[in-house]
Amino acid sequence: ELLSFEDVAMYFTREEWGHLDWAQKDLYRDVMLENYRNMILLGLPSKP
């Protein structure tokens, strides 16, 4: 079974996002971008 971006994505509510510090938000962005790039490289369905 193929994975999609939704299978590896992590989402936060506005409240949860508000509790993260800037380093955590930067890490989240970096990880999500890396996941997206990996999905593209593998030719799997993706949605930013």
PDB file of N, CA and C in Angstrom:
ATOM      1  N   GLU A   1       0.844  -1.179   0.000  1.00  0.00           N
ATOM      2  CA  GLU A   1       0.000   0.000   0.000  1.00  0.00           C
ATOM      3  C   GLU A   1       0.888   1.240   0.000  1.00  0.00           C
ATOM      4  N   LEU A   2       0.591   2.193  -0.866  1.00  0.00           N
ATOM      5  CA  LEU A   2       1.370   3.417  -0.956  1.00  0.00           C
ATOM      6  C   LEU A   2       1.013   4.386   0.166  1.00  0.00           C
ATOM      7  N   LEU A   3       2.001   5.140   0.580  1.00  0.00           N
ATOM      8  CA  LEU A   3       1.787   6.197   1.556  1.00  0.00           C
ATOM      9  C   LEU A   3       1.446   7.484   0.841  1.00  0.00           C
ATOM     10  N   SER A   4       0.768   8.364   1.525  1.00  0.00           N
ATOM     11  CA  SER A   4       0.527   9.709   1.009  1.00  0.00           C
ATOM     12  C   SER A   4       1.103  10.697   2.015  1.00  0.00           C
ATOM     13  N   PHE A   5       1.175  11.947   1.631  1.00  0.00           N
ATOM     14  CA  PHE A   5       1.682  12.975   2.531  1.00  0.00           C
ATOM     15  C   PHE A   5       0.853  13.008   3.810  1.00  0.00           C
ATOM     16  N   GLU A   6      -0.443  12.803   3.683  1.00  0.00           N
ATOM     17  CA  GLU A   6      -1.325  12.805   4.852  1.00  0.00           C
ATOM     18  C   GLU A   6      -0.949  11.708   5.852  1.00  0.00           C
ATOM     19  N   ASP A   7      -0.393  10.616   5.373  1.00  0.00           N
ATOM     20  CA  ASP A   7       0.005   9.525   6.259  1.00  0.00           C
ATOM     21  C   ASP A   7       1.196   9.889   7.142  1.00  0.00           C
ATOM     22  N   VAL A   8       2.023  10.811   6.691  1.00  0.00           N
ATOM     23  CA  VAL A   8       3.220  11.172   7.451  1.00  0.00           C
ATOM     24  C   VAL A   8       3.164  12.592   8.014  1.00  0.00           C
ATOM     25  N   ALA A   9       2.092  13.300   7.749  1.00  0.00           N
ATOM     26  CA  ALA A   9       1.958  14.680   8.224  1.00  0.00           C
ATOM     27  C   ALA A   9       1.521  14.720   9.688  1.00  0.00           C
ATOM     28  N   MET A  10       1.939  15.772  10.362  1.00  0.00           N
ATOM     29  CA  MET A  10       1.552  16.018  11.750  1.00  0.00           C
ATOM     30  C   MET A  10       0.889  17.390  11.786  1.00  0.00           C
ATOM     31  N   TYR A  11      -0.277  17.454  12.373  1.00  0.00           N
ATOM     32  CA  TYR A  11      -1.009  18.717  12.415  1.00  0.00           C
ATOM     33  C   TYR A  11      -1.247  19.144  13.855  1.00  0.00           C
ATOM     34  N   PHE A  12      -1.242  20.448  14.074  1.00  0.00           N
ATOM     35  CA  PHE A  12      -1.500  21.016  15.387  1.00  0.00           C
ATOM     36  C   PHE A  12      -2.728  21.920  15.324  1.00  0.00           C
ATOM     37  N   THR A  13      -3.464  21.984  16.423  1.00  0.00           N
ATOM     38  CA  THR A  13      -4.527  22.974  16.523  1.00  0.00           C
ATOM     39  C   THR A  13      -3.864  24.333  16.750  1.00  0.00           C
ATOM     40  N   ARG A  14      -4.620  25.408  16.623  1.00  0.00           N
ATOM     41  CA  ARG A  14      -4.069  26.744  16.893  1.00  0.00           C
ATOM     42  C   ARG A  14      -3.560  26.831  18.331  1.00  0.00           C
ATOM     43  N   GLU A  15      -4.293  26.229  19.227  1.00  0.00           N
ATOM     44  CA  GLU A  15      -3.890  26.261  20.634  1.00  0.00           C
ATOM     45  C   GLU A  15      -2.574  25.508  20.842  1.00  0.00           C
ATOM     46  N   GLU A  16      -2.483  24.310  20.263  1.00  0.00           N
ATOM     47  CA  GLU A  16      -1.247  23.528  20.382  1.00  0.00           C
ATOM     48  C   GLU A  16      -0.073  24.290  19.759  1.00  0.00           C
ATOM     49  N   TRP A  17      -0.305  24.873  18.588  1.00  0.00           N
ATOM     50  CA  TRP A  17       0.737  25.621  17.883  1.00  0.00           C
ATOM     51  C   TRP A  17       1.218  26.787  18.746  1.00  0.00           C
ATOM     52  N   GLY A  18       0.292  27.410  19.444  1.00  0.00           N
ATOM     53  CA  GLY A  18       0.633  28.536  20.302  1.00  0.00           C
ATOM     54  C   GLY A  18       1.522  28.152  21.477  1.00  0.00           C
ATOM     55  N   HIS A  19       1.510  26.903  21.861  1.00  0.00           N
ATOM     56  CA  HIS A  19       2.341  26.442  22.981  1.00  0.00           C
ATOM     57  C   HIS A  19       3.759  26.072  22.556  1.00  0.00           C
ATOM     58  N   LEU A  20       4.008  26.010  21.239  1.00  0.00           N
ATOM     59  CA  LEU A  20       5.352  25.671  20.752  1.00  0.00           C
ATOM     60  C   LEU A  20       6.237  26.914  20.764  1.00  0.00           C
ATOM     61  N   ASP A  21       7.518  26.730  21.079  1.00  0.00           N
ATOM     62  CA  ASP A  21       8.441  27.856  20.961  1.00  0.00           C
ATOM     63  C   ASP A  21       8.963  27.903  19.522  1.00  0.00           C
ATOM     64  N   TRP A  22       9.741  28.931  19.206  1.00  0.00           N
ATOM     65  CA  TRP A  22      10.179  29.123  17.814  1.00  0.00           C
ATOM     66  C   TRP A  22      11.063  27.992  17.332  1.00  0.00           C
ATOM     67  N   ALA A  23      11.885  27.426  18.217  1.00  0.00           N
ATOM     68  CA  ALA A  23      12.743  26.307  17.809  1.00  0.00           C
ATOM     69  C   ALA A  23      11.903  25.090  17.434  1.00  0.00           C
ATOM     70  N   GLN A  24      10.842  24.838  18.166  1.00  0.00           N
ATOM     71  CA  GLN A  24       9.955  23.706  17.858  1.00  0.00           C
ATOM     72  C   GLN A  24       9.214  23.941  16.549  1.00  0.00           C
ATOM     73  N   LYS A  25       8.800  25.182  16.314  1.00  0.00           N
ATOM     74  CA  LYS A  25       8.112  25.510  15.061  1.00  0.00           C
ATOM     75  C   LYS A  25       9.057  25.363  13.876  1.00  0.00           C
ATOM     76  N   ASP A  26      10.306  25.785  14.048  1.00  0.00           N
ATOM     77  CA  ASP A  26      11.303  25.622  12.988  1.00  0.00           C
ATOM     78  C   ASP A  26      11.564  24.149  12.703  1.00  0.00           C
ATOM     79  N   LEU A  27      11.682  23.345  13.753  1.00  0.00           N
ATOM     80  CA  LEU A  27      11.890  21.910  13.582  1.00  0.00           C
ATOM     81  C   LEU A  27      10.710  21.277  12.853  1.00  0.00           C
ATOM     82  N   TYR A  28       9.495  21.662  13.233  1.00  0.00           N
ATOM     83  CA  TYR A  28       8.283  21.154  12.572  1.00  0.00           C
ATOM     84  C   TYR A  28       8.330  21.463  11.081  1.00  0.00           C
ATOM     85  N   ARG A  29       8.649  22.704  10.754  1.00  0.00           N
ATOM     86  CA  ARG A  29       8.722  23.116   9.347  1.00  0.00           C
ATOM     87  C   ARG A  29       9.759  22.293   8.600  1.00  0.00           C
ATOM     88  N   ASP A  30      10.936  22.141   9.197  1.00  0.00           N
ATOM     89  CA  ASP A  30      12.011  21.397   8.543  1.00  0.00           C
ATOM     90  C   ASP A  30      11.617  19.939   8.312  1.00  0.00           C
ATOM     91  N   VAL A  31      11.010  19.306   9.293  1.00  0.00           N
ATOM     92  CA  VAL A  31      10.612  17.904   9.167  1.00  0.00           C
ATOM     93  C   VAL A  31       9.515  17.744   8.114  1.00  0.00           C
ATOM     94  N   MET A  32       8.537  18.644   8.122  1.00  0.00           N
ATOM     95  CA  MET A  32       7.457  18.553   7.140  1.00  0.00           C
ATOM     96  C   MET A  32       7.990  18.760   5.722  1.00  0.00           C
ATOM     97  N   LEU A  33       8.920  19.706   5.549  1.00  0.00           N
ATOM     98  CA  LEU A  33       9.510  19.923   4.227  1.00  0.00           C
ATOM     99  C   LEU A  33      10.325  18.710   3.781  1.00  0.00           C
ATOM    100  N   GLU A  34      11.067  18.115   4.709  1.00  0.00           N
ATOM    101  CA  GLU A  34      11.840  16.916   4.372  1.00  0.00           C
ATOM    102  C   GLU A  34      10.909  15.769   3.974  1.00  0.00           C
ATOM    103  N   ASN A  35       9.822  15.585   4.711  1.00  0.00           N
ATOM    104  CA  ASN A  35       8.851  14.547   4.356  1.00  0.00           C
ATOM    105  C   ASN A  35       8.273  14.797   2.966  1.00  0.00           C
ATOM    106  N   TYR A  36       7.924  16.036   2.691  1.00  0.00           N
ATOM    107  CA  TYR A  36       7.358  16.394   1.394  1.00  0.00           C
ATOM    108  C   TYR A  36       8.355  16.109   0.272  1.00  0.00           C
ATOM    109  N   ARG A  37       9.591  16.529   0.467  1.00  0.00           N
ATOM    110  CA  ARG A  37      10.620  16.289  -0.556  1.00  0.00           C
ATOM    111  C   ARG A  37      10.833  14.800  -0.786  1.00  0.00           C
ATOM    112  N   ASN A  38      10.854  14.034   0.294  1.00  0.00           N
ATOM    113  CA  ASN A  38      11.035  12.587   0.161  1.00  0.00           C
ATOM    114  C   ASN A  38       9.881  11.952  -0.608  1.00  0.00           C
ATOM    115  N   MET A  39       8.670  12.408  -0.355  1.00  0.00           N
ATOM    116  CA  MET A  39       7.507  11.875  -1.074  1.00  0.00           C
ATOM    117  C   MET A  39       7.637  12.178  -2.569  1.00  0.00           C
ATOM    118  N   ILE A  40       8.060  13.386  -2.897  1.00  0.00           N
ATOM    119  CA  ILE A  40       8.238  13.781  -4.300  1.00  0.00           C
ATOM    120  C   ILE A  40       9.323  12.920  -4.955  1.00  0.00           C
ATOM    121  N   LEU A  41      10.457  12.767  -4.267  1.00  0.00           N
ATOM    122  CA  LEU A  41      11.556  11.966  -4.816  1.00  0.00           C
ATOM    123  C   LEU A  41      11.147  10.519  -5.066  1.00  0.00           C
ATOM    124  N   LEU A  42      10.280   9.989  -4.228  1.00  0.00           N
ATOM    125  CA  LEU A  42       9.828   8.623  -4.384  1.00  0.00           C
ATOM    126  C   LEU A  42       8.671   8.494  -5.385  1.00  0.00           C
ATOM    127  N   GLY A  43       8.175   9.647  -5.857  1.00  0.00           N
ATOM    128  CA  GLY A  43       7.084   9.642  -6.813  1.00  0.00           C
ATOM    129  C   GLY A  43       5.743   9.266  -6.198  1.00  0.00           C
ATOM    130  N   LEU A  44       5.624   9.476  -4.877  1.00  0.00           N
ATOM    131  CA  LEU A  44       4.388   9.133  -4.191  1.00  0.00           C
ATOM    132  C   LEU A  44       3.437  10.328  -4.173  1.00  0.00           C
ATOM    133  N   PRO A  45       2.139  10.066  -4.020  1.00  0.00           N
ATOM    134  CA  PRO A  45       1.172  11.162  -3.953  1.00  0.00           C
ATOM    135  C   PRO A  45       1.520  12.109  -2.801  1.00  0.00           C
ATOM    136  N   SER A  46       1.469  13.393  -3.066  1.00  0.00           N
ATOM    137  CA  SER A  46       1.806  14.361  -2.024  1.00  0.00           C
ATOM    138  C   SER A  46       0.937  15.589  -2.150  1.00  0.00           C
ATOM    139  N   LYS A  47       0.796  16.256  -1.047  1.00  0.00           N
ATOM    140  CA  LYS A  47       0.031  17.503  -1.014  1.00  0.00           C
ATOM    141  C   LYS A  47       0.672  18.383   0.055  1.00  0.00           C
ATOM    142  N   PRO A  48       1.187  19.551  -0.321  1.00  0.00           N
ATOM    143  CA  PRO A  48       1.847  20.399   0.677  1.00  0.00           C
ATOM    144  C   PRO A  48       0.877  20.958   1.708  1.00  0.00           C
TER     145      PRO A  48
END
